[in-house]
N, C-alpha and C. Protein backbone atom coordinates (compact mmCIF):
# COMPACT_ATOMS: atom_id res chain seq x y z
N MET A 1 158.84 -79.80 98.19
CA MET A 1 159.00 -78.60 98.61
C MET A 1 159.99 -77.85 97.42
N LEU A 2 160.15 -78.63 96.61
CA LEU A 2 161.21 -78.37 95.22
C LEU A 2 160.30 -77.51 94.59
N MET A 3 159.14 -77.71 94.59
CA MET A 3 157.79 -77.15 93.64
C MET A 3 157.85 -75.38 94.40
N PHE A 4 157.61 -75.69 95.39
CA PHE A 4 157.46 -74.46 96.20
C PHE A 4 158.34 -73.27 95.83
N ARG A 5 159.46 -73.78 95.78
CA ARG A 5 160.56 -72.48 95.55
C ARG A 5 160.73 -72.29 93.93
N LYS A 6 160.40 -73.54 93.34
CA LYS A 6 160.30 -72.89 91.55
C LYS A 6 159.38 -72.16 91.49
N GLY A 7 158.17 -72.41 92.24
CA GLY A 7 156.82 -71.12 92.44
C GLY A 7 157.36 -69.86 92.19
N GLY A 8 158.08 -69.97 93.50
CA GLY A 8 158.38 -68.76 94.19
C GLY A 8 159.55 -67.75 93.39
N ALA A 9 160.41 -68.58 92.71
CA ALA A 9 161.19 -67.70 91.98
C ALA A 9 160.88 -67.32 90.35
N THR A 10 159.57 -68.15 90.23
CA THR A 10 158.95 -67.95 89.10
C THR A 10 158.32 -66.19 89.01
N LYS A 11 157.30 -66.42 90.91
CA LYS A 11 156.99 -64.97 90.95
C LYS A 11 157.92 -63.78 90.74
N LEU A 12 158.89 -64.38 91.36
CA LEU A 12 160.07 -62.60 91.54
C LEU A 12 160.83 -62.56 90.31
N LEU A 13 160.69 -63.86 89.81
CA LEU A 13 161.39 -63.23 88.20
C LEU A 13 159.98 -62.08 87.17
N THR A 14 159.13 -62.92 87.41
CA THR A 14 157.51 -61.81 86.99
C THR A 14 157.58 -60.60 87.29
N TRP A 15 157.66 -60.66 88.84
CA TRP A 15 157.31 -59.52 89.34
C TRP A 15 158.68 -58.44 88.86
N ALA A 16 160.25 -59.09 88.56
CA ALA A 16 161.09 -58.09 88.19
C ALA A 16 160.95 -57.66 87.10
N ALA A 17 160.25 -58.75 86.03
CA ALA A 17 160.29 -58.32 84.66
C ALA A 17 159.43 -57.16 84.43
N MET A 18 158.11 -57.20 85.45
CA MET A 18 157.09 -56.21 84.92
C MET A 18 157.57 -55.01 85.65
N PHE A 19 158.63 -54.93 86.38
CA PHE A 19 159.24 -53.80 86.98
C PHE A 19 160.17 -52.79 85.90
N ALA A 20 160.77 -53.86 85.13
CA ALA A 20 161.72 -53.64 84.36
C ALA A 20 161.01 -52.59 83.20
N LEU A 21 160.02 -53.29 82.86
CA LEU A 21 158.99 -52.87 81.95
C LEU A 21 158.61 -51.54 82.19
N TRP A 22 157.87 -51.46 83.33
CA TRP A 22 157.27 -50.23 84.08
C TRP A 22 158.73 -48.98 83.74
N VAL A 23 159.78 -49.18 84.23
CA VAL A 23 160.84 -48.45 84.14
C VAL A 23 160.87 -47.72 83.00
N VAL A 24 160.84 -49.06 81.91
CA VAL A 24 161.34 -49.22 80.25
C VAL A 24 160.42 -48.01 79.78
N LEU A 25 158.97 -48.17 79.80
CA LEU A 25 158.18 -47.23 79.78
C LEU A 25 157.81 -45.86 80.21
N LEU A 26 158.47 -45.97 81.40
CA LEU A 26 158.10 -44.31 82.10
C LEU A 26 159.47 -43.76 81.30
N ALA A 27 160.59 -43.92 81.18
CA ALA A 27 161.88 -43.66 80.72
C ALA A 27 161.28 -43.18 78.91
N ALA A 28 160.83 -44.12 78.29
CA ALA A 28 160.21 -43.73 76.62
C ALA A 28 158.96 -42.53 77.19
N TRP A 29 158.20 -42.63 77.76
CA TRP A 29 157.19 -41.59 77.94
C TRP A 29 158.06 -40.17 78.39
N ALA A 30 159.10 -40.14 78.94
CA ALA A 30 159.58 -39.19 79.82
C ALA A 30 160.31 -38.53 78.64
N ILE A 31 161.09 -39.12 77.70
CA ILE A 31 162.02 -38.77 76.67
C ILE A 31 160.61 -38.62 75.06
N GLN A 32 159.56 -39.07 75.52
CA GLN A 32 158.47 -38.36 74.37
C GLN A 32 158.24 -37.08 74.65
N LEU A 33 157.89 -37.13 76.01
CA LEU A 33 157.50 -35.45 76.49
C LEU A 33 159.09 -34.22 76.23
N GLY A 34 160.21 -35.12 76.32
CA GLY A 34 161.11 -33.99 76.23
C GLY A 34 161.85 -33.60 77.19
N LEU A 35 161.47 -34.63 78.29
CA LEU A 35 162.60 -34.83 79.47
C LEU A 35 163.83 -35.46 79.15
N ARG A 36 164.68 -35.14 79.68
CA ARG A 36 166.13 -35.79 79.68
C ARG A 36 166.91 -35.44 81.08
N PRO A 37 167.78 -36.77 81.23
CA PRO A 37 168.78 -36.06 82.31
C PRO A 37 169.51 -35.04 82.45
N ALA A 38 169.66 -34.20 83.95
CA ALA A 38 170.24 -33.15 83.96
C ALA A 38 171.26 -33.22 83.12
N GLU A 39 171.59 -31.93 82.03
CA GLU A 39 172.80 -32.05 81.54
C GLU A 39 174.37 -31.56 82.57
N SER A 40 175.21 -31.87 81.62
CA SER A 40 176.47 -31.86 82.39
C SER A 40 176.42 -30.47 82.05
N HIS A 41 177.78 -29.89 82.77
CA HIS A 41 178.13 -28.20 82.97
C HIS A 41 178.60 -28.11 81.59
N GLU A 42 179.24 -28.89 81.08
CA GLU A 42 180.06 -28.58 79.78
C GLU A 42 178.73 -28.02 78.22
N GLU A 43 177.69 -29.21 78.83
CA GLU A 43 176.62 -29.15 77.95
C GLU A 43 175.96 -27.95 77.81
N GLN A 44 175.65 -27.03 79.04
CA GLN A 44 174.83 -25.71 79.74
C GLN A 44 175.33 -24.87 78.42
N PRO A 45 176.66 -24.54 78.53
CA PRO A 45 176.89 -23.37 77.53
C PRO A 45 176.83 -23.37 76.25
N LYS A 46 176.94 -24.78 75.64
CA LYS A 46 176.27 -25.02 73.80
C LYS A 46 175.09 -24.85 74.40
N ALA A 47 174.16 -25.16 75.19
CA ALA A 47 172.50 -25.18 75.17
C ALA A 47 172.13 -23.79 74.96
N ALA A 48 173.25 -22.80 76.08
CA ALA A 48 172.31 -21.55 76.09
C ALA A 48 172.52 -20.48 74.50
N SER A 49 174.34 -21.40 74.08
CA SER A 49 174.91 -20.72 72.73
C SER A 49 173.54 -21.13 71.72
N PHE A 50 173.32 -22.10 71.54
CA PHE A 50 172.32 -22.66 70.73
C PHE A 50 170.54 -21.68 70.36
N PHE A 51 170.03 -21.46 71.94
CA PHE A 51 168.89 -20.88 71.89
C PHE A 51 169.05 -19.29 71.73
N SER A 52 170.64 -18.99 72.36
CA SER A 52 170.76 -17.13 72.12
C SER A 52 170.83 -16.79 70.48
N LYS A 53 171.21 -17.80 69.70
CA LYS A 53 171.27 -17.79 68.33
C LYS A 53 169.32 -17.09 67.90
N LEU A 54 168.61 -18.00 68.70
CA LEU A 54 167.40 -17.51 68.47
C LEU A 54 166.60 -16.52 69.15
N ASP A 55 167.05 -15.82 69.12
CA ASP A 55 167.02 -14.37 70.24
C ASP A 55 166.40 -13.37 68.91
N PRO A 56 165.47 -12.70 69.23
CA PRO A 56 165.06 -11.47 68.21
C PRO A 56 166.12 -10.28 68.46
N PRO A 57 166.49 -10.01 66.87
CA PRO A 57 167.47 -8.83 66.94
C PRO A 57 166.89 -7.65 67.62
N ILE A 58 167.94 -6.58 67.87
CA ILE A 58 167.50 -5.13 68.62
C ILE A 58 166.66 -4.68 67.42
N GLY A 59 165.72 -4.13 68.00
CA GLY A 59 164.95 -3.38 67.22
C GLY A 59 163.65 -4.14 66.72
N TYR A 60 163.79 -5.20 66.74
CA TYR A 60 162.07 -6.09 66.72
C TYR A 60 160.46 -5.53 67.44
N ARG A 61 159.79 -5.11 67.44
CA ARG A 61 158.86 -4.84 67.91
C ARG A 61 157.88 -6.03 68.38
N VAL A 62 157.62 -5.81 69.37
CA VAL A 62 157.03 -6.83 70.45
C VAL A 62 155.45 -6.31 69.97
N ASN A 63 154.72 -7.31 69.92
CA ASN A 63 153.21 -7.14 69.25
C ASN A 63 152.61 -7.63 71.17
N LEU A 64 151.94 -6.32 71.64
CA LEU A 64 151.44 -6.84 73.02
C LEU A 64 150.12 -6.14 73.13
N PRO A 65 148.98 -6.48 73.50
CA PRO A 65 147.57 -5.99 73.76
C PRO A 65 147.45 -4.62 73.82
N ASP A 66 146.57 -3.78 73.51
CA ASP A 66 146.46 -2.40 73.77
C ASP A 66 146.47 -2.49 75.61
N LYS A 67 145.75 -3.66 76.00
CA LYS A 67 144.78 -3.42 77.50
C LYS A 67 145.36 -4.64 78.03
N ASP A 68 145.87 -4.88 79.21
CA ASP A 68 146.46 -5.90 80.11
C ASP A 68 144.82 -6.60 80.82
N VAL A 69 145.09 -7.82 81.85
CA VAL A 69 143.84 -8.63 81.80
C VAL A 69 143.20 -7.65 83.09
N PHE A 70 143.68 -6.35 83.47
CA PHE A 70 142.44 -6.13 84.06
C PHE A 70 142.07 -4.68 83.51
N GLY A 71 142.55 -4.50 82.24
CA GLY A 71 141.81 -3.37 81.24
C GLY A 71 142.46 -2.14 81.38
N SER A 72 143.82 -2.36 82.26
CA SER A 72 144.80 -0.84 82.20
C SER A 72 145.30 -0.78 81.01
N PRO A 73 145.59 0.41 80.40
CA PRO A 73 146.24 0.77 78.57
C PRO A 73 148.08 -0.25 79.21
N ILE A 74 148.47 -0.72 78.16
CA ILE A 74 149.77 -1.15 78.03
C ILE A 74 150.98 0.36 77.75
N ARG A 75 149.83 0.96 76.93
CA ARG A 75 151.15 2.29 76.55
C ARG A 75 151.06 3.51 77.57
N LYS A 76 151.99 4.08 78.00
CA LYS A 76 152.33 4.95 79.19
C LYS A 76 152.72 5.95 78.55
N GLU A 77 152.56 6.97 77.42
CA GLU A 77 153.58 8.10 77.24
C GLU A 77 153.60 9.00 77.83
N ASP A 78 152.86 9.07 79.04
CA ASP A 78 153.28 10.29 80.09
C ASP A 78 154.62 10.48 80.88
N SER A 79 155.18 9.50 80.88
CA SER A 79 156.28 9.27 81.49
C SER A 79 157.78 9.82 80.56
N GLU A 80 158.77 10.58 81.59
CA GLU A 80 159.86 11.42 81.19
C GLU A 80 160.72 9.90 80.52
N VAL A 81 160.49 8.68 81.69
CA VAL A 81 161.91 7.46 81.72
C VAL A 81 161.17 7.09 80.46
N VAL A 82 162.30 6.53 79.43
CA VAL A 82 161.68 6.13 78.08
C VAL A 82 161.99 4.65 78.24
N ASP A 83 162.31 3.68 79.50
CA ASP A 83 162.27 3.01 79.16
C ASP A 83 161.61 2.00 79.74
N VAL A 84 160.96 0.86 78.88
CA VAL A 84 159.76 0.41 78.92
C VAL A 84 160.39 -1.08 79.91
N LEU A 85 160.43 -2.28 80.73
CA LEU A 85 161.00 -2.79 81.46
C LEU A 85 159.53 -4.09 81.24
N LEU A 86 160.15 -4.90 80.19
CA LEU A 86 159.10 -6.35 80.06
C LEU A 86 159.61 -7.51 80.67
N ILE A 87 158.95 -8.84 81.42
CA ILE A 87 159.55 -9.45 81.95
C ILE A 87 158.62 -10.72 81.65
N THR A 88 159.33 -11.72 80.75
CA THR A 88 158.55 -12.82 80.83
C THR A 88 158.66 -13.86 82.27
N ALA A 89 157.52 -14.13 82.37
CA ALA A 89 157.55 -14.98 83.84
C ALA A 89 156.71 -16.18 84.08
N GLY A 90 157.52 -17.04 82.99
CA GLY A 90 156.68 -18.56 83.15
C GLY A 90 155.37 -18.31 83.47
N THR A 91 154.55 -19.34 83.64
CA THR A 91 153.12 -19.38 84.28
C THR A 91 152.87 -18.72 85.97
N CYS A 92 151.58 -18.45 85.54
CA CYS A 92 151.29 -18.21 87.15
C CYS A 92 151.82 -19.11 88.45
N ASN A 93 151.73 -20.53 88.02
CA ASN A 93 151.87 -21.59 88.88
C ASN A 93 153.34 -21.85 89.08
N SER A 94 154.13 -21.37 88.14
CA SER A 94 155.48 -21.18 88.61
C SER A 94 156.65 -19.76 89.08
N CYS A 95 155.50 -18.41 89.14
CA CYS A 95 156.29 -17.58 89.83
C CYS A 95 156.60 -17.51 91.16
N ALA A 96 156.35 -18.42 91.92
CA ALA A 96 156.97 -18.51 93.09
C ALA A 96 158.38 -18.98 92.88
N LYS A 97 158.23 -20.31 92.31
CA LYS A 97 159.65 -21.13 92.16
C LYS A 97 160.57 -20.16 90.96
N ASN A 98 159.96 -19.52 90.41
CA ASN A 98 160.87 -18.29 89.51
C ASN A 98 161.48 -17.50 90.26
N LYS A 99 160.82 -16.95 91.61
CA LYS A 99 161.02 -15.86 92.30
C LYS A 99 160.74 -14.43 91.65
N ILE A 100 159.97 -14.39 90.59
CA ILE A 100 159.39 -13.32 90.68
C ILE A 100 157.97 -12.57 90.99
N HIS A 101 158.66 -11.89 92.37
CA HIS A 101 157.60 -10.79 93.26
C HIS A 101 157.71 -9.75 92.94
N PRO A 102 155.91 -9.41 92.10
CA PRO A 102 155.84 -8.24 91.70
C PRO A 102 156.21 -6.93 92.39
N GLU A 103 155.73 -7.19 93.72
CA GLU A 103 155.76 -6.26 94.98
C GLU A 103 156.89 -5.51 95.34
N GLU A 104 158.27 -6.10 94.69
CA GLU A 104 159.65 -5.71 94.93
C GLU A 104 159.87 -5.14 93.43
N LEU A 105 159.54 -5.32 92.59
CA LEU A 105 159.45 -4.44 91.11
C LEU A 105 160.14 -3.36 91.26
N ALA A 106 161.33 -2.43 90.87
CA ALA A 106 161.33 -1.19 91.14
C ALA A 106 160.55 -0.48 89.90
N ALA A 107 159.31 -0.36 90.10
CA ALA A 107 158.48 0.15 88.90
C ALA A 107 158.88 1.60 88.42
N GLU A 108 159.01 2.13 89.65
CA GLU A 108 159.26 4.13 89.58
C GLU A 108 160.89 3.86 88.37
N ASN A 109 161.59 2.77 88.39
CA ASN A 109 163.03 3.50 87.52
C ASN A 109 162.27 2.90 86.22
N PHE A 110 161.53 2.76 85.76
CA PHE A 110 160.84 2.80 84.34
C PHE A 110 159.70 3.17 83.85
N SER A 111 159.21 3.56 82.67
CA SER A 111 158.22 4.15 82.38
C SER A 111 156.50 3.35 82.71
N GLN A 112 157.13 1.90 82.55
CA GLN A 112 156.16 1.31 82.88
C GLN A 112 157.18 -0.39 82.86
N VAL A 113 156.28 -1.36 83.96
CA VAL A 113 156.54 -2.52 83.57
C VAL A 113 155.49 -3.46 83.54
N ILE A 114 155.89 -4.71 82.28
CA ILE A 114 154.92 -5.29 82.05
C ILE A 114 155.65 -6.89 81.83
N LEU A 115 154.61 -7.75 83.01
CA LEU A 115 154.75 -9.17 83.35
C LEU A 115 153.86 -9.79 82.15
N VAL A 116 154.72 -10.87 81.29
CA VAL A 116 154.23 -11.56 80.59
C VAL A 116 154.09 -13.14 81.23
N PHE A 117 152.76 -13.29 81.18
CA PHE A 117 152.48 -15.34 81.62
C PHE A 117 152.17 -15.76 80.73
N ARG A 118 152.68 -17.23 80.98
CA ARG A 118 151.90 -17.89 80.01
C ARG A 118 150.85 -18.60 80.33
N SER A 119 149.95 -18.21 80.80
CA SER A 119 148.57 -18.48 81.50
C SER A 119 147.31 -18.11 81.02
N SER A 120 146.57 -18.19 80.90
CA SER A 120 145.21 -17.85 80.88
C SER A 120 144.94 -16.51 81.20
N GLU A 121 144.03 -15.93 80.97
CA GLU A 121 143.38 -14.38 81.46
C GLU A 121 142.93 -14.62 82.94
N ARG A 122 141.91 -15.70 83.07
CA ARG A 122 141.58 -16.05 84.12
C ARG A 122 142.53 -16.41 85.32
N GLU A 123 143.55 -17.09 84.74
CA GLU A 123 144.56 -17.48 86.13
C GLU A 123 145.33 -16.51 85.83
N VAL A 124 145.65 -15.15 85.33
CA VAL A 124 146.74 -14.50 85.92
C VAL A 124 145.20 -12.92 86.88
N ARG A 125 144.66 -13.01 86.64
CA ARG A 125 143.72 -12.34 87.35
C ARG A 125 143.13 -12.61 88.53
N GLU A 126 143.42 -14.08 88.69
CA GLU A 126 143.13 -14.57 90.36
C GLU A 126 143.94 -14.44 90.81
N HIS A 127 145.25 -14.73 90.46
CA HIS A 127 146.61 -14.69 90.96
C HIS A 127 147.13 -13.23 91.40
N PHE A 128 146.96 -12.27 90.75
CA PHE A 128 147.11 -10.89 90.77
C PHE A 128 146.00 -10.19 91.09
N GLY A 129 144.76 -10.63 91.68
CA GLY A 129 144.18 -9.64 91.54
C GLY A 129 143.79 -8.36 92.56
N LYS A 130 144.95 -8.62 93.47
CA LYS A 130 144.73 -7.94 94.70
C LYS A 130 146.29 -7.48 94.66
N GLY A 131 147.13 -7.37 93.52
CA GLY A 131 148.48 -7.14 93.31
C GLY A 131 149.21 -5.69 93.13
N ARG A 132 149.80 -5.47 92.49
CA ARG A 132 149.76 -3.69 92.27
C ARG A 132 149.59 -3.19 91.03
N ARG A 133 149.11 -2.06 91.13
CA ARG A 133 148.20 -1.54 90.02
C ARG A 133 149.24 -1.15 88.64
N ASP A 134 149.77 -0.29 89.37
CA ASP A 134 151.19 -0.24 88.83
C ASP A 134 151.72 -0.53 87.55
N LEU A 135 151.78 -1.50 87.91
CA LEU A 135 152.40 -2.81 86.94
C LEU A 135 150.96 -3.09 85.66
N ARG A 136 151.62 -3.89 84.50
CA ARG A 136 150.95 -4.48 83.54
C ARG A 136 151.01 -5.94 83.45
N TYR A 137 149.89 -6.63 83.37
CA TYR A 137 149.87 -7.89 83.47
C TYR A 137 149.27 -8.92 82.35
N VAL A 138 150.00 -9.42 81.59
CA VAL A 138 149.72 -9.64 80.23
C VAL A 138 149.54 -11.09 80.25
N ALA A 139 148.53 -12.03 79.48
CA ALA A 139 148.38 -13.22 79.55
C ALA A 139 148.86 -13.64 78.14
N ASP A 140 149.56 -14.62 77.78
CA ASP A 140 149.90 -15.49 77.04
C ASP A 140 149.68 -16.47 76.71
N PRO A 141 148.76 -17.05 76.88
CA PRO A 141 148.37 -19.03 76.81
C PRO A 141 149.11 -19.61 75.84
N ASP A 142 148.89 -19.23 74.69
CA ASP A 142 149.89 -19.66 73.22
C ASP A 142 151.14 -19.56 73.19
N GLY A 143 151.57 -18.45 74.15
CA GLY A 143 152.97 -18.41 74.21
C GLY A 143 153.42 -17.39 72.47
N ALA A 144 152.69 -17.03 71.84
CA ALA A 144 153.36 -16.05 70.89
C ALA A 144 154.10 -15.07 71.33
N ILE A 145 154.02 -14.46 72.54
CA ILE A 145 154.77 -13.13 72.96
C ILE A 145 156.18 -13.87 73.36
N THR A 146 156.18 -14.65 74.40
CA THR A 146 157.31 -15.62 74.99
C THR A 146 157.87 -15.97 73.68
N ARG A 147 157.48 -16.52 72.66
CA ARG A 147 158.26 -17.17 71.78
C ARG A 147 159.04 -16.40 70.95
N GLY A 148 158.31 -15.28 70.52
CA GLY A 148 158.55 -14.17 69.82
C GLY A 148 159.94 -13.54 70.21
N LEU A 149 159.70 -13.78 71.63
CA LEU A 149 161.35 -12.73 72.35
C LEU A 149 162.02 -14.07 72.90
N ASN A 150 161.88 -14.99 72.46
CA ASN A 150 162.79 -16.42 72.46
C ASN A 150 162.99 -16.55 74.24
N ALA A 151 162.17 -16.36 74.80
CA ALA A 151 162.07 -16.79 76.56
C ALA A 151 162.57 -18.05 76.71
N TYR A 152 163.90 -18.53 76.33
CA TYR A 152 163.90 -19.73 76.79
C TYR A 152 164.23 -20.03 78.20
N PHE A 153 164.24 -19.25 79.00
CA PHE A 153 164.28 -19.06 80.56
C PHE A 153 163.80 -17.99 81.13
N THR A 154 163.14 -18.63 82.45
CA THR A 154 162.54 -17.23 83.22
C THR A 154 162.32 -17.03 84.34
N PRO A 155 162.73 -16.18 84.80
CA PRO A 155 162.25 -14.77 84.18
C PRO A 155 163.08 -14.46 83.25
N ARG A 156 162.73 -13.76 82.38
CA ARG A 156 163.84 -12.86 81.32
C ARG A 156 163.43 -11.56 81.22
N PHE A 157 164.13 -10.53 81.32
CA PHE A 157 164.20 -9.44 81.23
C PHE A 157 164.84 -8.48 79.98
N TYR A 158 163.67 -7.58 79.58
CA TYR A 158 163.70 -7.11 77.87
C TYR A 158 163.53 -5.62 78.57
N ALA A 159 164.57 -4.91 77.59
CA ALA A 159 164.16 -3.21 77.49
C ALA A 159 163.46 -3.12 76.24
N LEU A 160 162.63 -2.42 76.37
CA LEU A 160 161.85 -1.57 75.20
C LEU A 160 161.90 -0.44 75.31
N ASP A 161 161.91 0.35 74.35
CA ASP A 161 161.38 1.59 73.79
C ASP A 161 159.78 1.78 74.33
N ARG A 162 159.38 3.16 74.50
CA ARG A 162 157.53 3.15 74.55
C ARG A 162 156.69 2.57 73.68
N SER A 163 157.46 2.55 72.30
CA SER A 163 156.70 2.23 70.79
C SER A 163 156.69 0.42 71.03
N HIS A 164 157.30 -0.03 72.20
CA HIS A 164 157.90 -1.81 72.37
C HIS A 164 158.54 -2.09 71.40
N THR A 165 159.69 -1.36 71.05
CA THR A 165 160.71 -1.73 69.90
C THR A 165 162.22 -2.54 71.11
N LEU A 166 162.34 -3.24 71.01
CA LEU A 166 163.37 -4.07 71.42
C LEU A 166 164.73 -3.19 71.51
N ARG A 167 165.31 -2.60 72.73
CA ARG A 167 166.52 -2.16 72.86
C ARG A 167 167.56 -3.12 73.00
N LYS A 168 167.35 -3.69 74.18
CA LYS A 168 168.22 -4.50 75.05
C LYS A 168 167.29 -5.67 75.52
N LEU A 169 167.84 -6.73 75.64
CA LEU A 169 167.93 -8.14 76.55
C LEU A 169 168.75 -8.84 77.00
N GLN A 170 167.95 -9.49 78.17
CA GLN A 170 169.25 -10.66 79.04
C GLN A 170 169.29 -11.53 78.63
N SER A 171 171.02 -11.66 78.66
CA SER A 171 171.34 -12.99 77.69
C SER A 171 171.60 -14.16 78.05
N ALA A 172 171.73 -14.47 79.83
CA ALA A 172 171.65 -14.96 80.55
C ALA A 172 171.21 -14.93 82.23
N PRO A 173 170.35 -15.72 82.61
CA PRO A 173 170.24 -16.34 83.93
C PRO A 173 170.22 -15.02 85.05
N MET A 174 171.68 -15.03 84.99
CA MET A 174 172.27 -13.79 86.19
C MET A 174 172.85 -12.39 85.75
N GLU A 175 172.51 -12.48 84.51
CA GLU A 175 173.04 -11.38 83.99
C GLU A 175 172.39 -10.14 84.33
N LYS A 176 173.17 -8.46 84.52
CA LYS A 176 172.00 -7.81 84.78
C LYS A 176 171.82 -6.87 83.43
N LEU A 177 170.42 -6.78 83.44
CA LEU A 177 169.58 -5.84 82.22
C LEU A 177 170.58 -4.43 82.57
N PHE A 178 170.52 -3.76 83.43
CA PHE A 178 170.97 -2.33 83.52
C PHE A 178 172.27 -2.45 84.55
N GLU A 179 173.35 -1.27 84.27
CA GLU A 179 174.28 -1.28 85.48
C GLU A 179 173.92 -0.08 86.35
N ASP A 180 172.97 0.74 85.49
CA ASP A 180 172.43 2.20 86.31
C ASP A 180 171.20 2.08 86.98
N ARG A 181 170.37 1.64 87.17
CA ARG A 181 169.25 1.23 88.34
C ARG A 181 169.02 -0.12 88.07
N ALA A 182 168.55 -0.06 89.44
CA ALA A 182 167.91 -1.71 89.95
C ALA A 182 166.34 -1.80 89.50
N LEU A 183 166.37 -3.32 89.36
CA LEU A 183 165.27 -3.87 89.05
C LEU A 183 164.36 -4.13 90.13
N PHE A 184 164.64 -4.33 91.11
CA PHE A 184 164.25 -4.73 92.49
C PHE A 184 164.64 -3.73 93.35
N GLN A 185 163.35 -2.99 94.53
CA GLN A 185 163.62 -2.51 95.56
C GLN A 185 163.80 -3.36 96.84
N LEU A 186 164.58 -2.69 97.67
CA LEU A 186 164.52 -3.41 98.89
C LEU A 186 163.26 -3.75 99.57
N SER A 187 163.61 -5.04 100.52
CA SER A 187 162.44 -5.56 100.62
C SER A 187 162.04 -4.72 102.05
N LYS A 188 160.80 -5.24 102.36
CA LYS A 188 160.51 -4.03 104.04
C LYS A 188 161.14 -4.38 105.01
N GLY A 189 161.76 -5.49 105.48
CA GLY A 189 162.99 -5.91 105.99
C GLY A 189 164.00 -5.92 105.61
N ASP A 190 164.14 -5.55 104.55
CA ASP A 190 165.86 -5.00 104.44
C ASP A 190 165.69 -3.21 104.80
N ASN A 191 164.69 -2.53 104.40
CA ASN A 191 164.52 -1.42 104.67
C ASN A 191 164.96 -1.14 106.26
N LYS A 192 164.27 -2.11 107.11
CA LYS A 192 164.27 -2.19 108.51
C LYS A 192 165.61 -2.03 109.11
N ASN A 193 166.45 -3.44 108.21
CA ASN A 193 167.69 -3.18 109.08
C ASN A 193 168.82 -2.07 108.11
N ALA A 194 168.36 -1.25 107.13
CA ALA A 194 168.99 -0.48 106.90
C ALA A 194 169.35 0.90 107.25
N LYS A 195 168.33 1.44 108.05
CA LYS A 195 168.15 2.37 108.92
C LYS A 195 169.07 2.68 109.99
């Protein structure tokens, strides 16, 4: 009977050691991928301050393609509104999570609204194929545009002039980019309630 207990204890210790080894391996893998435990509230402003130092200067020319993924021209010179709204929106898979809903954008307040996604052209076309055609959808799979704009949070909003030169950028996730006009229109449900 003593042998049975000793064998059971050995098995238990072996399983505990294997579990501990897996925990260590998973933690090492997460660190290798750059995943860290949630930052404390004191560390968040330090991180934002660090990343905001990498923001492009006002006057930075954003290198955008001539046409979006649907073949619509990016430049639109016929508008009297001078501001172009550019939104870095993450990947198509994260659109809902980041709460970018193109149907709610107030495009009439801008000469053009450009959405930049860190996804392939095919993914953007599939995701927004039946979406609004007054918006421009840009695929940035290698991240050249988003890195140039230092889009360290998404969605991030930028005001450009019609030559795609940076005039203003959102410095924090909840900051308003414009005080004088809305970025989003009321949803249809809100309009019913407002009547």
